[in-house]
Amino acid sequence: MKRGILRVVADGGLMFWCPGCDGAHQVQVGRGSGPRWGFNEDYGRPTFTPSVLVRGTQPITNDERDRILAGETIEPRPFVCHSFVRDGQIQFLSDCTHELAGQTVPLRDFDEA
């Protein structure tokens, strides 16, 4: 279900679109098992506490895929997206590995992303 710039999903999950990753991030709010974030209950200008940290590996490029198929070994590249979501803005911290590191931008609606 969509509410403002957030999507409501199962088990107290709220999703927002991350322009740095060009994808959705999810936090769990309210009661339940697992890590939970504080939420100001404003679906149009959300604030989550504490920060949101997403880690993983970057997808391979077409060139890397071709090199792997040719037998070459490719080392995975780490990926970090670390942000504060405050008052409808997403503040990307300097440890992000994407181009929006160090910037603050408004959260966008899923349909605009």
PDB file of N, CA and C in Angstrom:
ATOM      1  N   MET A   1       0.842  -1.170   0.000  1.00  0.00           N
ATOM      2  CA  MET A   1       0.000   0.000   0.000  1.00  0.00           C
ATOM      3  C   MET A   1       0.893   1.241   0.000  1.00  0.00           C
ATOM      4  N   LYS A   2       0.475   2.245  -0.745  1.00  0.00           N
ATOM      5  CA  LYS A   2       1.241   3.472  -0.869  1.00  0.00           C
ATOM      6  C   LYS A   2       0.633   4.539   0.032  1.00  0.00           C
ATOM      7  N   ARG A   3       1.472   5.234   0.791  1.00  0.00           N
ATOM      8  CA  ARG A   3       1.032   6.344   1.624  1.00  0.00           C
ATOM      9  C   ARG A   3       2.068   7.442   1.503  1.00  0.00           C
ATOM     10  N   GLY A   4       1.733   8.529   0.809  1.00  0.00           N
ATOM     11  CA  GLY A   4       2.703   9.597   0.603  1.00  0.00           C
ATOM     12  C   GLY A   4       3.863   9.094  -0.236  1.00  0.00           C
ATOM     13  N   ILE A   5       5.076   9.381   0.212  1.00  0.00           N
ATOM     14  CA  ILE A   5       6.267   8.952  -0.522  1.00  0.00           C
ATOM     15  C   ILE A   5       6.774   7.607  -0.042  1.00  0.00           C
ATOM     16  N   LEU A   6       6.023   6.974   0.851  1.00  0.00           N
ATOM     17  CA  LEU A   6       6.408   5.673   1.400  1.00  0.00           C
ATOM     18  C   LEU A   6       5.501   4.585   0.866  1.00  0.00           C
ATOM     19  N   ARG A   7       5.993   3.377   0.874  1.00  0.00           N
ATOM     20  CA  ARG A   7       5.186   2.183   0.624  1.00  0.00           C
ATOM     21  C   ARG A   7       5.145   1.380   1.910  1.00  0.00           C
ATOM     22  N   VAL A   8       3.960   0.950   2.277  1.00  0.00           N
ATOM     23  CA  VAL A   8       3.774   0.147   3.476  1.00  0.00           C
ATOM     24  C   VAL A   8       3.783  -1.312   3.062  1.00  0.00           C
ATOM     25  N   VAL A   9       4.635  -2.110   3.702  1.00  0.00           N
ATOM     26  CA  VAL A   9       4.741  -3.531   3.388  1.00  0.00           C
ATOM     27  C   VAL A   9       4.552  -4.345   4.670  1.00  0.00           C
ATOM     28  N   ALA A  10       4.671  -5.643   4.582  1.00  0.00           N
ATOM     29  CA  ALA A  10       4.388  -6.556   5.693  1.00  0.00           C
ATOM     30  C   ALA A  10       5.268  -6.298   6.914  1.00  0.00           C
ATOM     31  N   ASP A  11       4.761  -6.667   8.070  1.00  0.00           N
ATOM     32  CA  ASP A  11       5.478  -6.683   9.335  1.00  0.00           C
ATOM     33  C   ASP A  11       6.026  -5.312   9.736  1.00  0.00           C
ATOM     34  N   GLY A  12       5.246  -4.263   9.513  1.00  0.00           N
ATOM     35  CA  GLY A  12       5.677  -2.930   9.914  1.00  0.00           C
ATOM     36  C   GLY A  12       6.728  -2.324   9.008  1.00  0.00           C
ATOM     37  N   GLY A  13       6.875  -2.847   7.808  1.00  0.00           N
ATOM     38  CA  GLY A  13       7.885  -2.341   6.887  1.00  0.00           C
ATOM     39  C   GLY A  13       7.430  -1.082   6.172  1.00  0.00           C
ATOM     40  N   LEU A  14       8.338  -0.141   6.039  1.00  0.00           N
ATOM     41  CA  LEU A  14       8.124   1.057   5.231  1.00  0.00           C
ATOM     42  C   LEU A  14       9.267   1.141   4.228  1.00  0.00           C
ATOM     43  N   MET A  15       8.923   1.361   2.974  1.00  0.00           N
ATOM     44  CA  MET A  15       9.931   1.471   1.916  1.00  0.00           C
ATOM     45  C   MET A  15       9.956   2.894   1.386  1.00  0.00           C
ATOM     46  N   PHE A  16      11.147   3.360   1.058  1.00  0.00           N
ATOM     47  CA  PHE A  16      11.320   4.651   0.396  1.00  0.00           C
ATOM     48  C   PHE A  16      12.281   4.463  -0.765  1.00  0.00           C
ATOM     49  N   TRP A  17      12.133   5.323  -1.775  1.00  0.00           N
ATOM     50  CA  TRP A  17      12.984   5.234  -2.960  1.00  0.00           C
ATOM     51  C   TRP A  17      14.280   5.981  -2.709  1.00  0.00           C
ATOM     52  N   CYS A  18      15.397   5.333  -2.955  1.00  0.00           N
ATOM     53  CA  CYS A  18      16.714   5.935  -2.784  1.00  0.00           C
ATOM     54  C   CYS A  18      17.264   6.344  -4.146  1.00  0.00           C
ATOM     55  N   PRO A  19      17.399   7.647  -4.394  1.00  0.00           N
ATOM     56  CA  PRO A  19      17.932   8.079  -5.693  1.00  0.00           C
ATOM     57  C   PRO A  19      19.414   7.760  -5.866  1.00  0.00           C
ATOM     58  N   GLY A  20      20.152   7.594  -4.777  1.00  0.00           N
ATOM     59  CA  GLY A  20      21.565   7.237  -4.883  1.00  0.00           C
ATOM     60  C   GLY A  20      21.759   5.824  -5.385  1.00  0.00           C
ATOM     61  N   CYS A  21      20.904   4.930  -4.947  1.00  0.00           N
ATOM     62  CA  CYS A  21      20.970   3.518  -5.349  1.00  0.00           C
ATOM     63  C   CYS A  21      20.058   3.214  -6.528  1.00  0.00           C
ATOM     64  N   ASP A  22      19.162   4.133  -6.831  1.00  0.00           N
ATOM     65  CA  ASP A  22      18.123   3.922  -7.844  1.00  0.00           C
ATOM     66  C   ASP A  22      17.329   2.657  -7.526  1.00  0.00           C
ATOM     67  N   GLY A  23      16.943   2.572  -6.244  1.00  0.00           N
ATOM     68  CA  GLY A  23      16.170   1.425  -5.780  1.00  0.00           C
ATOM     69  C   GLY A  23      15.563   1.719  -4.420  1.00  0.00           C
ATOM     70  N   ALA A  24      14.759   0.810  -3.943  1.00  0.00           N
ATOM     71  CA  ALA A  24      14.064   0.990  -2.669  1.00  0.00           C
ATOM     72  C   ALA A  24      14.897   0.488  -1.497  1.00  0.00           C
ATOM     73  N   HIS A  25      14.754   1.173  -0.361  1.00  0.00           N
ATOM     74  CA  HIS A  25      15.280   0.715   0.919  1.00  0.00           C
ATOM     75  C   HIS A  25      14.094   0.521   1.853  1.00  0.00           C
ATOM     76  N   GLN A  26      14.229  -0.387   2.795  1.00  0.00           N
ATOM     77  CA  GLN A  26      13.138  -0.698   3.705  1.00  0.00           C
ATOM     78  C   GLN A  26      13.621  -0.661   5.149  1.00  0.00           C
ATOM     79  N   VAL A  27      12.786  -0.086   6.012  1.00  0.00           N
ATOM     80  CA  VAL A  27      13.021  -0.134   7.459  1.00  0.00           C
ATOM     81  C   VAL A  27      11.769  -0.717   8.106  1.00  0.00           C
ATOM     82  N   GLN A  28      11.948  -1.306   9.273  1.00  0.00           N
ATOM     83  CA  GLN A  28      10.827  -1.857  10.035  1.00  0.00           C
ATOM     84  C   GLN A  28      10.545  -0.894  11.189  1.00  0.00           C
ATOM     85  N   VAL A  29       9.269  -0.576  11.402  1.00  0.00           N
ATOM     86  CA  VAL A  29       8.875   0.327  12.479  1.00  0.00           C
ATOM     87  C   VAL A  29       7.827  -0.355  13.354  1.00  0.00           C
ATOM     88  N   GLY A  30       7.600   0.199  14.530  1.00  0.00           N
ATOM     89  CA  GLY A  30       6.592  -0.359  15.421  1.00  0.00           C
ATOM     90  C   GLY A  30       7.097  -1.609  16.124  1.00  0.00           C
ATOM     91  N   ARG A  31       6.158  -2.369  16.649  1.00  0.00           N
ATOM     92  CA  ARG A  31       6.500  -3.592  17.381  1.00  0.00           C
ATOM     93  C   ARG A  31       6.766  -4.744  16.430  1.00  0.00           C
ATOM     94  N   GLY A  32       7.595  -5.659  16.891  1.00  0.00           N
ATOM     95  CA  GLY A  32       7.889  -6.841  16.103  1.00  0.00           C
ATOM     96  C   GLY A  32       9.304  -7.303  16.330  1.00  0.00           C
ATOM     97  N   SER A  33       9.631  -8.391  15.708  1.00  0.00           N
ATOM     98  CA  SER A  33      10.975  -8.942  15.877  1.00  0.00           C
ATOM     99  C   SER A  33      11.959  -8.234  14.955  1.00  0.00           C
ATOM    100  N   GLY A  34      13.205  -8.357  15.283  1.00  0.00           N
ATOM    101  CA  GLY A  34      14.259  -7.775  14.461  1.00  0.00           C
ATOM    102  C   GLY A  34      14.451  -6.295  14.725  1.00  0.00           C
ATOM    103  N   PRO A  35      15.438  -5.692  14.055  1.00  0.00           N
ATOM    104  CA  PRO A  35      15.718  -4.267  14.249  1.00  0.00           C
ATOM    105  C   PRO A  35      14.503  -3.415  13.879  1.00  0.00           C
ATOM    106  N   ARG A  36      14.279  -2.360  14.642  1.00  0.00           N
ATOM    107  CA  ARG A  36      13.160  -1.437  14.404  1.00  0.00           C
ATOM    108  C   ARG A  36      13.672  -0.003  14.461  1.00  0.00           C
ATOM    109  N   TRP A  37      13.095   0.850  13.610  1.00  0.00           N
ATOM    110  CA  TRP A  37      13.454   2.256  13.554  1.00  0.00           C
ATOM    111  C   TRP A  37      12.349   3.090  14.180  1.00  0.00           C
ATOM    112  N   GLY A  38      12.733   4.222  14.732  1.00  0.00           N
ATOM    113  CA  GLY A  38      11.756   5.213  15.145  1.00  0.00           C
ATOM    114  C   GLY A  38      11.184   5.880  13.901  1.00  0.00           C
ATOM    115  N   PHE A  39       9.925   6.273  13.965  1.00  0.00           N
ATOM    116  CA  PHE A  39       9.237   6.881  12.818  1.00  0.00           C
ATOM    117  C   PHE A  39       8.326   7.983  13.344  1.00  0.00           C
ATOM    118  N   ASN A  40       8.361   9.143  12.708  1.00  0.00           N
ATOM    119  CA  ASN A  40       7.568  10.283  13.158  1.00  0.00           C
ATOM    120  C   ASN A  40       6.099  10.216  12.731  1.00  0.00           C
ATOM    121  N   GLU A  41       5.687   9.146  12.075  1.00  0.00           N
ATOM    122  CA  GLU A  41       4.297   8.929  11.624  1.00  0.00           C
ATOM    123  C   GLU A  41       3.840   9.905  10.543  1.00  0.00           C
ATOM    124  N   ASP A  42       4.782  10.594   9.901  1.00  0.00           N
ATOM    125  CA  ASP A  42       4.446  11.522   8.815  1.00  0.00           C
ATOM    126  C   ASP A  42       4.819  10.858   7.489  1.00  0.00           C
ATOM    127  N   TYR A  43       3.805  10.415   6.757  1.00  0.00           N
ATOM    128  CA  TYR A  43       4.041   9.681   5.511  1.00  0.00           C
ATOM    129  C   TYR A  43       4.441  10.592   4.354  1.00  0.00           C
ATOM    130  N   GLY A  44       4.262  11.880   4.502  1.00  0.00           N
ATOM    131  CA  GLY A  44       4.663  12.831   3.467  1.00  0.00           C
ATOM    132  C   GLY A  44       6.040  13.418   3.693  1.00  0.00           C
ATOM    133  N   ARG A  45       6.453  13.510   4.959  1.00  0.00           N
ATOM    134  CA  ARG A  45       7.766  14.051   5.324  1.00  0.00           C
ATOM    135  C   ARG A  45       8.367  13.178   6.427  1.00  0.00           C
ATOM    136  N   PRO A  46       8.695  11.936   6.094  1.00  0.00           N
ATOM    137  CA  PRO A  46       9.130  10.992   7.128  1.00  0.00           C
ATOM    138  C   PRO A  46      10.490  11.326   7.736  1.00  0.00           C
ATOM    139  N   THR A  47      10.626  10.925   8.991  1.00  0.00           N
ATOM    140  CA  THR A  47      11.905  10.903   9.699  1.00  0.00           C
ATOM    141  C   THR A  47      12.044   9.519  10.309  1.00  0.00           C
ATOM    142  N   PHE A  48      13.204   8.898  10.091  1.00  0.00           N
ATOM    143  CA  PHE A  48      13.524   7.606  10.699  1.00  0.00           C
ATOM    144  C   PHE A  48      14.754   7.781  11.574  1.00  0.00           C
ATOM    145  N   THR A  49      14.764   7.123  12.722  1.00  0.00           N
ATOM    146  CA  THR A  49      15.944   7.116  13.572  1.00  0.00           C
ATOM    147  C   THR A  49      16.209   5.689  14.012  1.00  0.00           C
ATOM    148  N   PRO A  50      17.451   5.251  14.047  1.00  0.00           N
ATOM    149  CA  PRO A  50      18.667   5.980  13.686  1.00  0.00           C
ATOM    150  C   PRO A  50      18.870   5.995  12.163  1.00  0.00           C
ATOM    151  N   SER A  51      20.127   6.143  11.742  1.00  0.00           N
ATOM    152  CA  SER A  51      20.457   6.168  10.313  1.00  0.00           C
ATOM    153  C   SER A  51      20.116   4.834   9.646  1.00  0.00           C
ATOM    154  N   VAL A  52      20.075   4.870   8.326  1.00  0.00           N
ATOM    155  CA  VAL A  52      19.809   3.673   7.515  1.00  0.00           C
ATOM    156  C   VAL A  52      21.117   3.306   6.808  1.00  0.00           C
ATOM    157  N   LEU A  53      21.579   2.085   7.030  1.00  0.00           N
ATOM    158  CA  LEU A  53      22.834   1.619   6.436  1.00  0.00           C
ATOM    159  C   LEU A  53      22.555   0.375   5.605  1.00  0.00           C
ATOM    160  N   VAL A  54      22.866   0.464   4.306  1.00  0.00           N
ATOM    161  CA  VAL A  54      22.688  -0.657   3.385  1.00  0.00           C
ATOM    162  C   VAL A  54      24.061  -1.005   2.831  1.00  0.00           C
ATOM    163  N   ARG A  55      24.436  -2.277   2.947  1.00  0.00           N
ATOM    164  CA  ARG A  55      25.729  -2.744   2.438  1.00  0.00           C
ATOM    165  C   ARG A  55      25.515  -3.930   1.522  1.00  0.00           C
ATOM    166  N   GLY A  56      26.397  -4.073   0.569  1.00  0.00           N
ATOM    167  CA  GLY A  56      26.337  -5.206  -0.337  1.00  0.00           C
ATOM    168  C   GLY A  56      27.460  -5.121  -1.343  1.00  0.00           C
ATOM    169  N   THR A  57      27.223  -5.689  -2.506  1.00  0.00           N
ATOM    170  CA  THR A  57      28.186  -5.589  -3.601  1.00  0.00           C
ATOM    171  C   THR A  57      27.487  -4.969  -4.804  1.00  0.00           C
ATOM    172  N   GLN A  58      28.255  -4.243  -5.576  1.00  0.00           N
ATOM    173  CA  GLN A  58      27.708  -3.597  -6.758  1.00  0.00           C
ATOM    174  C   GLN A  58      27.455  -4.639  -7.845  1.00  0.00           C
ATOM    175  N   PRO A  59      26.401  -4.442  -8.639  1.00  0.00           N
ATOM    176  CA  PRO A  59      26.167  -5.368  -9.748  1.00  0.00           C
ATOM    177  C   PRO A  59      27.327  -5.316 -10.740  1.00  0.00           C
ATOM    178  N   ILE A  60      27.555  -6.425 -11.394  1.00  0.00           N
ATOM    179  CA  ILE A  60      28.617  -6.443 -12.405  1.00  0.00           C
ATOM    180  C   ILE A  60      28.133  -5.705 -13.654  1.00  0.00           C
ATOM    181  N   THR A  61      29.091  -5.156 -14.386  1.00  0.00           N
ATOM    182  CA  THR A  61      28.788  -4.477 -15.642  1.00  0.00           C
ATOM    183  C   THR A  61      28.732  -5.512 -16.767  1.00  0.00           C
ATOM    184  N   ASN A  62      28.245  -5.105 -17.927  1.00  0.00           N
ATOM    185  CA  ASN A  62      28.234  -6.005 -19.084  1.00  0.00           C
ATOM    186  C   ASN A  62      29.652  -6.423 -19.458  1.00  0.00           C
ATOM    187  N   ASP A  63      30.595  -5.479 -19.359  1.00  0.00           N
ATOM    188  CA  ASP A  63      31.988  -5.796 -19.658  1.00  0.00           C
ATOM    189  C   ASP A  63      32.524  -6.842 -18.680  1.00  0.00           C
ATOM    190  N   GLU A  64      32.215  -6.676 -17.397  1.00  0.00           N
ATOM    191  CA  GLU A  64      32.670  -7.658 -16.406  1.00  0.00           C
ATOM    192  C   GLU A  64      32.037  -9.023 -16.651  1.00  0.00           C
ATOM    193  N   ARG A  65      30.784  -9.026 -17.030  1.00  0.00           N
ATOM    194  CA  ARG A  65      30.122 -10.305 -17.347  1.00  0.00           C
ATOM    195  C   ARG A  65      30.857 -11.017 -18.475  1.00  0.00           C
ATOM    196  N   ASP A  66      31.192 -10.270 -19.532  1.00  0.00           N
ATOM    197  CA  ASP A  66      31.903 -10.860 -20.664  1.00  0.00           C
ATOM    198  C   ASP A  66      33.273 -11.393 -20.240  1.00  0.00           C
ATOM    199  N   ARG A  67      33.950 -10.664 -19.353  1.00  0.00           N
ATOM    200  CA  ARG A  67      35.265 -11.097 -18.877  1.00  0.00           C
ATOM    201  C   ARG A  67      35.150 -12.352 -18.022  1.00  0.00           C
ATOM    202  N   ILE A  68      34.092 -12.439 -17.212  1.00  0.00           N
ATOM    203  CA  ILE A  68      33.867 -13.644 -16.404  1.00  0.00           C
ATOM    204  C   ILE A  68      33.604 -14.833 -17.310  1.00  0.00           C
ATOM    205  N   LEU A  69      32.779 -14.628 -18.335  1.00  0.00           N
ATOM    206  CA  LEU A  69      32.472 -15.709 -19.273  1.00  0.00           C
ATOM    207  C   LEU A  69      33.714 -16.163 -20.037  1.00  0.00           C
ATOM    208  N   ALA A  70      34.682 -15.250 -20.179  1.00  0.00           N
ATOM    209  CA  ALA A  70      35.935 -15.595 -20.848  1.00  0.00           C
ATOM    210  C   ALA A  70      36.931 -16.256 -19.891  1.00  0.00           C
ATOM    211  N   GLY A  71      36.529 -16.421 -18.604  1.00  0.00           N
ATOM    212  CA  GLY A  71      37.374 -17.128 -17.653  1.00  0.00           C
ATOM    213  C   GLY A  71      38.120 -16.246 -16.670  1.00  0.00           C
ATOM    214  N   GLU A  72      37.971 -14.947 -16.784  1.00  0.00           N
ATOM    215  CA  GLU A  72      38.670 -14.036 -15.875  1.00  0.00           C
ATOM    216  C   GLU A  72      37.953 -13.993 -14.518  1.00  0.00           C
ATOM    217  N   THR A  73      38.713 -13.764 -13.470  1.00  0.00           N
ATOM    218  CA  THR A  73      38.141 -13.601 -12.134  1.00  0.00           C
ATOM    219  C   THR A  73      37.944 -12.110 -11.862  1.00  0.00           C
ATOM    220  N   ILE A  74      36.761 -11.757 -11.420  1.00  0.00           N
ATOM    221  CA  ILE A  74      36.437 -10.365 -11.104  1.00  0.00           C
ATOM    222  C   ILE A  74      36.162 -10.270  -9.601  1.00  0.00           C
ATOM    223  N   GLU A  75      36.826  -9.347  -8.937  1.00  0.00           N
ATOM    224  CA  GLU A  75      36.605  -9.127  -7.509  1.00  0.00           C
ATOM    225  C   GLU A  75      35.328  -8.299  -7.319  1.00  0.00           C
ATOM    226  N   PRO A  76      34.447  -8.737  -6.443  1.00  0.00           N
ATOM    227  CA  PRO A  76      33.242  -7.945  -6.163  1.00  0.00           C
ATOM    228  C   PRO A  76      33.613  -6.570  -5.596  1.00  0.00           C
ATOM    229  N   ARG A  77      32.883  -5.547  -6.017  1.00  0.00           N
ATOM    230  CA  ARG A  77      33.097  -4.195  -5.511  1.00  0.00           C
ATOM    231  C   ARG A  77      32.098  -3.933  -4.387  1.00  0.00           C
ATOM    232  N   PRO A  78      32.573  -3.499  -3.227  1.00  0.00           N
ATOM    233  CA  PRO A  78      31.655  -3.241  -2.124  1.00  0.00           C
ATOM    234  C   PRO A  78      30.737  -2.068  -2.440  1.00  0.00           C
ATOM    235  N   PHE A  79      29.573  -2.104  -1.824  1.00  0.00           N
ATOM    236  CA  PHE A  79      28.567  -1.066  -1.996  1.00  0.00           C
ATOM    237  C   PHE A  79      28.088  -0.627  -0.619  1.00  0.00           C
ATOM    238  N   VAL A  80      28.027   0.684  -0.390  1.00  0.00           N
ATOM    239  CA  VAL A  80      27.527   1.231   0.866  1.00  0.00           C
ATOM    240  C   VAL A  80      26.588   2.384   0.558  1.00  0.00           C
ATOM    241  N   CYS A  81      25.429   2.374   1.185  1.00  0.00           N
ATOM    242  CA  CYS A  81      24.519   3.519   1.167  1.00  0.00           C
ATOM    243  C   CYS A  81      24.156   3.787   2.625  1.00  0.00           C
ATOM    244  N   HIS A  82      24.596   4.915   3.144  1.00  0.00           N
ATOM    245  CA  HIS A  82      24.391   5.260   4.546  1.00  0.00           C
ATOM    246  C   HIS A  82      23.749   6.642   4.585  1.00  0.00           C
ATOM    247  N   SER A  83      22.589   6.730   5.230  1.00  0.00           N
ATOM    248  CA  SER A  83      21.852   7.994   5.192  1.00  0.00           C
ATOM    249  C   SER A  83      21.039   8.226   6.446  1.00  0.00           C
ATOM    250  N   PHE A  84      20.697   9.486   6.651  1.00  0.00           N
ATOM    251  CA  PHE A  84      19.679   9.882   7.604  1.00  0.00           C
ATOM    252  C   PHE A  84      18.472  10.323   6.795  1.00  0.00           C
ATOM    253  N   VAL A  85      17.294   9.872   7.181  1.00  0.00           N
ATOM    254  CA  VAL A  85      16.045  10.338   6.581  1.00  0.00           C
ATOM    255  C   VAL A  85      15.388  11.231   7.617  1.00  0.00           C
ATOM    256  N   ARG A  86      15.306  12.524   7.272  1.00  0.00           N
ATOM    257  CA  ARG A  86      14.777  13.522   8.210  1.00  0.00           C
ATOM    258  C   ARG A  86      13.868  14.480   7.471  1.00  0.00           C
ATOM    259  N   ASP A  87      12.654  14.603   7.964  1.00  0.00           N
ATOM    260  CA  ASP A  87      11.699  15.600   7.468  1.00  0.00           C
ATOM    261  C   ASP A  87      11.545  15.550   5.945  1.00  0.00           C
ATOM    262  N   GLY A  88      11.475  14.329   5.416  1.00  0.00           N
ATOM    263  CA  GLY A  88      11.261  14.156   3.980  1.00  0.00           C
ATOM    264  C   GLY A  88      12.493  14.341   3.114  1.00  0.00           C
ATOM    265  N   GLN A  89      13.651  14.488   3.738  1.00  0.00           N
ATOM    266  CA  GLN A  89      14.916  14.636   3.024  1.00  0.00           C
ATOM    267  C   GLN A  89      15.781  13.416   3.324  1.00  0.00           C
ATOM    268  N   ILE A  90      16.624  13.063   2.365  1.00  0.00           N
ATOM    269  CA  ILE A  90      17.577  11.986   2.597  1.00  0.00           C
ATOM    270  C   ILE A  90      18.982  12.591   2.529  1.00  0.00           C
ATOM    271  N   GLN A  91      19.682  12.503   3.660  1.00  0.00           N
ATOM    272  CA  GLN A  91      21.034  13.039   3.788  1.00  0.00           C
ATOM    273  C   GLN A  91      22.012  11.882   3.667  1.00  0.00           C
ATOM    274  N   PHE A  92      22.726  11.859   2.556  1.00  0.00           N
ATOM    275  CA  PHE A  92      23.692  10.791   2.300  1.00  0.00           C
ATOM    276  C   PHE A  92      25.005  11.124   2.992  1.00  0.00           C
ATOM    277  N   LEU A  93      25.506  10.173   3.754  1.00  0.00           N
ATOM    278  CA  LEU A  93      26.744  10.384   4.480  1.00  0.00           C
ATOM    279  C   LEU A  93      27.953  10.122   3.586  1.00  0.00           C
ATOM    280  N   SER A  94      29.119  10.549   4.044  1.00  0.00           N
ATOM    281  CA  SER A  94      30.312  10.504   3.193  1.00  0.00           C
ATOM    282  C   SER A  94      30.824   9.100   2.924  1.00  0.00           C
ATOM    283  N   ASP A  95      30.362   8.095   3.689  1.00  0.00           N
ATOM    284  CA  ASP A  95      30.824   6.730   3.431  1.00  0.00           C
ATOM    285  C   ASP A  95      30.038   6.029   2.321  1.00  0.00           C
ATOM    286  N   CYS A  96      29.060   6.711   1.721  1.00  0.00           N
ATOM    287  CA  CYS A  96      28.333   6.129   0.578  1.00  0.00           C
ATOM    288  C   CYS A  96      29.296   5.929  -0.590  1.00  0.00           C
ATOM    289  N   THR A  97      29.074   4.881  -1.350  1.00  0.00           N
ATOM    290  CA  THR A  97      29.918   4.614  -2.517  1.00  0.00           C
ATOM    291  C   THR A  97      29.269   5.091  -3.811  1.00  0.00           C
ATOM    292  N   HIS A  98      28.110   5.750  -3.733  1.00  0.00           N
ATOM    293  CA  HIS A  98      27.459   6.267  -4.945  1.00  0.00           C
ATOM    294  C   HIS A  98      27.676   7.767  -5.078  1.00  0.00           C
ATOM    295  N   GLU A  99      27.235   8.322  -6.202  1.00  0.00           N
ATOM    296  CA  GLU A  99      27.526   9.711  -6.555  1.00  0.00           C
ATOM    297  C   GLU A  99      26.834  10.746  -5.679  1.00  0.00           C
ATOM    298  N   LEU A 100      25.876  10.365  -4.855  1.00  0.00           N
ATOM    299  CA  LEU A 100      25.198  11.335  -3.996  1.00  0.00           C
ATOM    300  C   LEU A 100      25.814  11.431  -2.595  1.00  0.00           C
ATOM    301  N   ALA A 101      26.947  10.785  -2.372  1.00  0.00           N
ATOM    302  CA  ALA A 101      27.630  10.862  -1.076  1.00  0.00           C
ATOM    303  C   ALA A 101      27.851  12.323  -0.695  1.00  0.00           C
ATOM    304  N   GLY A 102      27.512  12.658   0.556  1.00  0.00           N
ATOM    305  CA  GLY A 102      27.713  14.014   1.054  1.00  0.00           C
ATOM    306  C   GLY A 102      26.617  15.005   0.681  1.00  0.00           C
ATOM    307  N   GLN A 103      25.593  14.565  -0.030  1.00  0.00           N
ATOM    308  CA  GLN A 103      24.520  15.470  -0.468  1.00  0.00           C
ATOM    309  C   GLN A 103      23.222  15.170   0.276  1.00  0.00           C
ATOM    310  N   THR A 104      22.329  16.160   0.307  1.00  0.00           N
ATOM    311  CA  THR A 104      20.989  16.005   0.856  1.00  0.00           C
ATOM    312  C   THR A 104      19.994  16.332  -0.239  1.00  0.00           C
ATOM    313  N   VAL A 105      19.052  15.425  -0.469  1.00  0.00           N
ATOM    314  CA  VAL A 105      18.055  15.609  -1.526  1.00  0.00           C
ATOM    315  C   VAL A 105      16.672  15.223  -0.977  1.00  0.00           C
ATOM    316  N   PRO A 106      15.601  15.764  -1.572  1.00  0.00           N
ATOM    317  CA  PRO A 106      14.264  15.380  -1.126  1.00  0.00           C
ATOM    318  C   PRO A 106      13.948  13.936  -1.518  1.00  0.00           C
ATOM    319  N   LEU A 107      13.196  13.252  -0.658  1.00  0.00           N
ATOM    320  CA  LEU A 107      12.684  11.942  -1.043  1.00  0.00           C
ATOM    321  C   LEU A 107      11.672  12.138  -2.153  1.00  0.00           C
ATOM    322  N   ARG A 108      11.673  11.233  -3.109  1.00  0.00           N
ATOM    323  CA  ARG A 108      10.744  11.314  -4.240  1.00  0.00           C
ATOM    324  C   ARG A 108       9.725  10.206  -4.149  1.00  0.00           C
ATOM    325  N   ASP A 109       8.592  10.452  -4.761  1.00  0.00           N
ATOM    326  CA  ASP A 109       7.556   9.441  -4.868  1.00  0.00           C
ATOM    327  C   ASP A 109       8.058   8.294  -5.733  1.00  0.00           C
ATOM    328  N   PHE A 110       7.621   7.088  -5.428  1.00  0.00           N
ATOM    329  CA  PHE A 110       8.010   5.919  -6.222  1.00  0.00           C
ATOM    330  C   PHE A 110       7.659   6.120  -7.696  1.00  0.00           C
ATOM    331  N   ASP A 111       6.518   6.724  -7.975  1.00  0.00           N
ATOM    332  CA  ASP A 111       6.075   6.890  -9.362  1.00  0.00           C
ATOM    333  C   ASP A 111       6.949   7.862 -10.148  1.00  0.00           C
ATOM    334  N   GLU A 112       7.644   8.775  -9.445  1.00  0.00           N
ATOM    335  CA  GLU A 112       8.533   9.722 -10.111  1.00  0.00           C
ATOM    336  C   GLU A 112       9.920   9.137 -10.344  1.00  0.00           C
ATOM    337  N   ALA A 113      10.261   8.120  -9.583  1.00  0.00           N
ATOM    338  CA  ALA A 113      11.626   7.577  -9.618  1.00  0.00           C
ATOM    339  C   ALA A 113      11.859   6.698 -10.828  1.00  0.00           C
TER     340      ALA A 113
END
